[in-house]
Protein backbone atom coordinates (compact mmCIF):
# COMPACT_ATOMS: atom_id res chain seq x y z
CA MET A 1 22.74 5.52 9.03
CA SER A 2 24.39 3.96 12.03
CA PHE A 3 23.31 0.80 13.66
CA ARG A 4 22.25 2.55 16.55
CA CYS A 5 19.81 4.82 14.53
CA ILE A 6 18.33 1.63 12.73
CA ILE A 7 17.64 -0.12 16.04
CA LEU A 8 16.08 3.05 17.69
CA SER A 9 13.93 3.48 14.50
CA PHE A 10 12.59 -0.11 14.70
CA LEU A 11 11.70 0.32 18.41
CA LEU A 12 9.71 3.42 17.57
CA VAL A 13 7.60 1.41 15.08
CA PHE A 14 5.98 0.11 18.28
CA VAL A 15 5.61 3.54 20.00
CA SER A 16 2.09 4.96 19.57
CA THR A 17 3.13 8.45 19.92
CA VAL A 18 3.97 9.53 16.30
CA ASN A 19 5.97 12.54 17.44
CA VAL A 20 8.95 10.84 19.26
CA LYS A 21 12.22 10.45 17.02
CA PRO A 22 15.19 8.82 17.82
CA ALA A 23 17.84 11.30 19.30
CA CYS A 24 20.12 10.63 16.39
CA ALA A 25 17.52 11.66 13.87
CA GLU A 26 18.94 15.06 13.50
CA LYS A 27 22.17 16.75 14.38
CA ALA A 28 21.99 19.29 17.45
CA GLY A 29 20.84 22.67 16.12
CA LYS A 30 18.74 23.51 13.17
CA PRO A 31 18.53 20.78 10.69
CA SER A 32 20.41 21.41 7.37
CA LYS A 33 17.05 20.56 5.34
CA GLU A 34 13.36 21.30 6.02
CA VAL A 35 11.65 17.89 7.22
CA VAL A 36 8.82 16.28 5.10
CA TYR A 37 7.16 13.55 6.49
CA PHE A 38 5.97 10.24 4.59
CA SER A 39 3.81 7.74 5.40
CA ALA A 40 2.31 4.58 3.75
CA ILE A 41 -0.57 1.88 3.85
CA THR A 42 0.16 -1.07 5.96
CA LEU A 43 0.97 -3.68 3.33
CA TYR A 44 3.36 -5.45 5.72
CA HIS A 45 4.53 -5.75 9.24
CA PRO A 46 6.07 -2.31 10.50
CA ILE A 47 9.69 -3.68 10.61
CA VAL A 48 9.23 -4.78 7.11
CA MET A 49 7.84 -1.61 6.04
CA TYR A 50 10.74 0.46 7.40
CA GLN A 51 13.04 -2.05 5.55
CA ARG A 52 11.38 -1.40 2.29
CA TYR A 53 10.26 2.34 2.33
CA GLN A 54 13.49 3.79 4.22
CA PRO A 55 15.65 3.70 0.99
CA LEU A 56 13.06 5.70 -0.83
CA MET A 57 13.38 8.30 2.05
CA ASP A 58 17.05 8.19 1.40
CA TYR A 59 16.74 8.73 -2.31
CA LEU A 60 14.27 11.78 -1.89
CA THR A 61 16.40 13.23 0.77
CA LYS A 62 19.71 13.03 -1.64
CA ASN A 63 17.94 14.32 -4.55
CA THR A 64 15.50 17.31 -3.27
CA PRO A 65 16.40 20.27 -1.24
CA TYR A 66 14.14 18.34 1.62
CA LYS A 67 14.91 15.80 4.22
CA PHE A 68 12.09 12.92 4.29
CA GLU A 69 11.38 11.04 7.29
CA LEU A 70 9.39 7.77 7.27
CA ARG A 71 6.46 7.94 9.84
CA LEU A 72 4.75 4.65 9.89
CA SER A 73 0.93 4.14 10.48
CA GLN A 74 -0.82 1.59 12.67
CA ASP A 75 -3.61 0.78 10.24
CA TYR A 76 -5.26 2.31 7.07
CA ARG A 77 -7.59 4.56 9.59
CA ASN A 78 -4.35 5.71 11.19
CA ILE A 79 -2.73 7.15 7.97
CA ILE A 80 -5.93 9.23 7.31
CA ASN A 81 -5.38 10.93 10.74
CA PHE A 82 -1.81 11.47 10.05
CA LEU A 83 -2.75 13.19 7.00
CA LYS A 84 -5.55 15.10 8.55
CA ASN A 85 -3.60 16.40 11.55
CA ASN A 86 -0.65 17.22 9.55
CA ASP A 87 1.60 14.75 11.32
CA VAL A 88 2.67 13.55 7.57
CA GLN A 89 2.55 15.86 4.38
CA VAL A 90 3.12 12.80 1.92
CA ALA A 91 1.61 9.57 1.83
CA LEU A 92 0.93 6.36 -0.39
CA LEU A 93 -2.48 5.59 -0.13
CA GLY A 94 -4.86 2.67 -1.47
CA GLY A 95 -7.62 3.96 -4.00
CA ALA A 96 -10.49 3.52 -1.33
CA THR A 97 -8.44 5.03 1.40
CA TYR A 98 -7.84 7.94 -0.87
CA LEU A 99 -11.32 8.25 -1.59
CA GLU A 100 -12.41 8.28 2.04
CA ALA A 101 -9.68 10.77 2.79
CA LYS A 102 -10.84 13.13 0.18
CA GLU A 103 -14.24 13.19 1.49
CA GLN A 104 -12.90 14.69 4.76
CA PHE A 105 -10.05 17.08 3.89
CA ASN A 106 -8.32 18.34 0.63
CA ILE A 107 -5.68 16.10 -0.52
CA VAL A 108 -4.02 15.83 -4.02
CA PRO A 109 -2.87 12.73 -5.69
CA ILE A 110 0.74 13.65 -7.55
CA LEU A 111 2.05 10.40 -8.53
CA LYS A 112 1.42 6.48 -9.06
CA PRO A 113 3.77 3.92 -9.56
CA LEU A 114 4.23 2.14 -12.56
CA GLY A 115 3.88 -1.81 -12.91
CA HIS A 116 6.32 -4.37 -14.25
CA ASP A 117 5.03 -3.74 -17.59
CA GLY A 118 5.42 -0.11 -17.47
CA LYS A 119 1.60 0.64 -16.78
CA PRO A 120 0.25 2.41 -13.90
CA TYR A 121 -1.80 -0.35 -12.75
CA TYR A 122 -1.35 -3.34 -10.36
CA ARG A 123 -3.92 -6.31 -9.34
CA SER A 124 -5.84 -8.00 -6.40
CA VAL A 125 -4.93 -11.53 -6.24
CA PHE A 126 -6.74 -14.40 -4.70
CA ILE A 127 -4.03 -17.06 -3.36
CA ALA A 128 -4.18 -20.49 -1.93
CA ARG A 129 -1.98 -23.33 -0.80
CA ALA A 130 -0.11 -24.73 -3.94
CA ASP A 131 -0.97 -28.26 -2.52
CA ASN A 132 -4.68 -27.36 -2.30
CA LYS A 133 -6.21 -29.43 -5.40
CA LYS A 134 -9.89 -28.18 -4.56
CA ILE A 135 -9.38 -24.52 -4.98
CA ASN A 136 -8.05 -23.73 -8.68
CA LYS A 137 -10.49 -20.79 -9.91
CA LEU A 138 -12.54 -18.14 -8.30
CA SER A 139 -15.84 -20.32 -8.40
CA ASP A 140 -13.98 -22.79 -5.90
CA LEU A 141 -14.28 -20.31 -3.02
CA LYS A 142 -17.83 -20.72 -2.40
CA GLY A 143 -18.04 -22.40 0.90
CA LYS A 144 -14.64 -21.85 1.69
CA SER A 145 -12.96 -19.81 4.10
CA ILE A 146 -11.06 -16.60 2.94
CA ALA A 147 -8.66 -14.21 4.90
CA PHE A 148 -8.79 -10.58 3.82
CA ALA A 149 -6.60 -7.66 4.21
CA SER A 150 -8.09 -4.58 6.00
CA GLU A 151 -11.35 -3.51 5.39
CA ARG A 152 -10.30 -0.20 3.90
CA SER A 153 -8.00 -1.90 1.76
CA THR A 154 -8.48 -1.65 -1.93
CA SER A 155 -7.02 -4.69 -3.37
CA GLY A 156 -7.06 -6.85 -0.14
CA TYR A 157 -10.95 -6.24 0.37
CA LEU A 158 -12.79 -3.82 -1.75
CA VAL A 159 -11.76 -5.38 -5.26
CA PRO A 160 -11.65 -8.80 -3.92
CA LEU A 161 -15.20 -8.55 -2.97
CA ASN A 162 -16.51 -6.90 -6.22
CA GLU A 163 -14.71 -10.01 -8.04
CA LEU A 164 -16.52 -12.46 -5.84
CA TYR A 165 -19.94 -10.59 -6.12
CA ALA A 166 -19.87 -9.30 -9.93
CA LYS A 167 -17.52 -12.18 -11.58
CA GLY A 168 -17.96 -15.25 -9.04
CA GLY A 169 -21.78 -14.82 -8.13
CA ILE A 170 -20.46 -15.28 -4.58
CA THR A 171 -21.25 -13.08 -1.54
CA LEU A 172 -19.85 -13.09 2.07
CA ARG A 173 -22.94 -15.03 3.28
CA ASP A 174 -21.65 -17.83 0.80
CA LEU A 175 -18.28 -18.42 2.43
CA SER A 176 -17.68 -20.60 5.43
CA LYS A 177 -16.05 -17.97 7.41
CA TYR A 178 -13.77 -14.88 6.55
CA VAL A 179 -11.83 -12.53 8.77
CA ASN A 180 -9.94 -9.13 7.71
CA LEU A 181 -6.40 -8.94 9.03
CA LYS A 182 -4.05 -6.04 9.30
CA TYR A 183 -1.40 -6.59 6.79
CA HIS A 184 -1.43 -8.13 3.39
CA ASP A 185 1.71 -10.27 4.23
CA SER A 186 -0.25 -11.72 7.37
CA VAL A 187 -2.86 -12.94 4.81
CA ALA A 188 -0.31 -14.83 3.11
CA ARG A 189 1.02 -16.49 6.17
CA GLU A 190 -2.33 -17.40 7.45
CA VAL A 191 -3.10 -19.37 4.06
CA LEU A 192 0.29 -20.91 4.08
CA ARG A 193 -0.22 -22.09 7.69
CA GLY A 194 -3.71 -23.66 6.56
CA ASN A 195 -5.67 -21.67 8.80
CA PHE A 196 -7.82 -20.37 5.64
CA ASP A 197 -8.62 -22.01 2.64
CA ALA A 198 -7.66 -18.85 0.47
CA GLY A 199 -6.82 -15.14 0.97
CA ALA A 200 -6.87 -11.81 -1.11
CA VAL A 201 -3.66 -9.82 -1.32
CA ILE A 202 -2.10 -7.25 -3.56
CA ASP A 203 -0.13 -8.73 -6.41
CA SER A 204 3.43 -7.78 -5.07
CA VAL A 205 2.56 -9.80 -1.91
CA ALA A 206 1.47 -12.95 -3.79
CA ASN A 207 4.41 -12.70 -6.09
CA SER A 208 6.45 -12.60 -3.17
CA PHE A 209 5.15 -15.80 -1.49
CA LYS A 210 4.87 -17.86 -4.90
CA ASP A 211 8.05 -19.80 -4.12
CA ARG A 212 6.92 -20.36 -0.56
CA GLY A 213 3.92 -22.67 -1.27
CA LEU A 214 1.31 -20.70 -2.28
CA LYS A 215 -0.13 -20.37 -5.86
CA ILE A 216 -2.39 -17.67 -7.61
CA ILE A 217 -5.72 -18.90 -8.19
CA ALA A 218 -7.71 -15.42 -9.70
CA LEU A 219 -6.43 -11.98 -10.76
CA SER A 220 -8.72 -9.03 -10.97
CA ASP A 221 -9.01 -6.37 -13.55
CA PRO A 222 -6.18 -3.60 -13.46
CA ILE A 223 -6.45 -1.25 -10.53
CA PRO A 224 -5.18 2.53 -10.92
CA GLY A 225 -1.80 2.40 -9.33
CA LEU A 226 -1.74 3.51 -5.46
CA PRO A 227 -1.80 7.31 -5.38
CA ILE A 228 1.11 9.14 -3.79
CA VAL A 229 -0.92 12.09 -2.40
CA VAL A 230 0.23 15.17 -0.55
CA ARG A 231 -2.01 17.60 1.60
CA ALA A 232 -3.21 20.59 -0.46
CA ASP A 233 -1.35 22.93 1.59
CA VAL A 234 1.89 21.51 0.78
CA PRO A 235 3.87 24.02 -1.13
CA ASP A 236 4.36 23.71 -4.77
CA GLU A 237 8.07 23.64 -4.62
CA VAL A 238 8.03 20.69 -2.29
CA VAL A 239 5.67 18.67 -4.76
CA ASN A 240 7.58 19.74 -7.65
CA ALA A 241 10.72 18.45 -6.15
CA ILE A 242 9.11 15.00 -5.45
CA LYS A 243 7.75 14.78 -8.85
CA LYS A 244 10.89 15.88 -10.56
CA ALA A 245 13.27 13.35 -8.44
CA LEU A 246 10.85 10.40 -8.97
CA LEU A 247 9.51 11.13 -12.68
CA ALA A 248 13.17 11.08 -13.52
CA LEU A 249 13.73 7.40 -12.92
CA ASP A 250 13.54 5.06 -15.81
CA TYR A 251 13.45 1.22 -15.13
CA ASN A 252 15.42 0.85 -18.56
CA ASN A 253 18.28 2.53 -17.29
CA PRO A 254 20.52 -0.19 -15.20
CA GLU A 255 21.59 2.61 -12.93
CA HIS A 256 18.27 3.76 -12.01
CA ARG A 257 17.06 0.22 -11.84
CA LYS A 258 19.92 -0.69 -9.45
CA ILE A 259 18.60 2.09 -7.08
CA MET A 260 14.89 1.07 -7.46
CA ALA A 261 15.98 -2.61 -6.67
CA GLN A 262 16.25 -1.46 -2.73
CA TRP A 263 12.73 -0.30 -2.71
CA ASP A 264 9.42 -1.93 -2.08
CA GLU A 265 8.29 -3.66 -5.27
CA GLU A 266 5.60 -1.22 -5.77
CA PHE A 267 8.12 1.40 -6.44
CA ARG A 268 10.62 -0.49 -8.53
CA TYR A 269 9.54 0.20 -11.94
CA GLY A 270 9.06 3.87 -12.11
CA PHE A 271 6.29 6.29 -11.76
CA ALA A 272 3.52 8.32 -13.59
CA GLU A 273 1.66 11.39 -12.93
CA ALA A 274 -1.78 10.91 -11.10
CA GLU A 275 -5.26 12.92 -10.95
CA ASP A 276 -8.28 12.37 -9.15
CA SER A 277 -10.15 11.10 -12.27
CA ASP A 278 -7.86 7.94 -12.30
CA TYR A 279 -9.84 6.52 -9.17
CA ASN A 280 -13.12 6.73 -10.53
CA SER A 281 -13.29 3.13 -11.15
CA ILE A 282 -12.86 2.63 -7.29
CA ARG A 283 -15.83 4.92 -6.62
CA ALA A 284 -17.70 2.86 -9.12
CA ILE A 285 -16.63 -0.43 -7.30
CA VAL A 286 -17.76 1.07 -3.80
CA ALA A 287 -21.05 2.32 -5.18
CA TYR A 288 -21.70 -1.26 -6.67
CA LEU A 289 -20.62 -2.79 -3.51
CA VAL A 290 -23.10 -0.64 -1.28
CA LYS A 291 -25.89 -1.24 -3.57
CA LYS A 292 -25.32 -4.82 -2.87
CA GLY A 293 -25.50 -4.24 0.78
CA VAL A 294 -22.04 -4.69 1.66
CA LYS A 295 -20.88 -2.28 4.41
CA ILE A 296 -17.98 0.16 3.41
CA PRO A 297 -16.04 1.61 6.43
CA ARG A 298 -16.28 5.24 6.48
């Protein structure tokens, strides 16, 4: 991709009209490959999202009969509308976002990323500044201020709330203050700046900030891997091509590991097939929190 294409793509992140593309996105005339649009939940600032997810698009374009283009969403709600309106056909969702979208229209989970241990799970993490001697475990969060990710984030809000309520005996009313931020990396930065005593983020973001002055104070139970979903009307040949290309990757293969090293940490260890029942544990958490009086966005 040329430097001009990269700059234009960055600028488009901030444009609200999702159907606008750089003039160099495809050659004049009929494109050589059918385009499939891919989006992902906003774990990071849009420019970082582009840097970490575009290499995956390049891999899929090279290893399938289709051209994959990244269409970034502004927030968790936005990505649901992208799928609903067929602005994207494939997306990486969180567990809770998947369940919310599933209630509105028919989508199908096809794959889930593996963790560094080779298992299809990840975790939610509570973080604090490394020099904060008063916060070292979950129970220390009572009376403190916490930054969460989006209200629709599984690992940045719903699972952390479940940890607080079910394990720590701490409710939102027991905190001195709390806020929901757009991106997981924004949560980490706000904690690092000292604006909040602690924060809740996905483990990959926590790990990326461990050497920048943050520490992990609590880990959740394993969470089913973030589902890669397709609209139910996506042709089987597209779904099969995606699955074939990604399931072929083996982290133990040095050549494959070199390819995946360019991707976001969520995708660096390979993939497993996914199905709807994988996310029943998220359904149980939502039901528990509703019973406790927590308002779940819908």
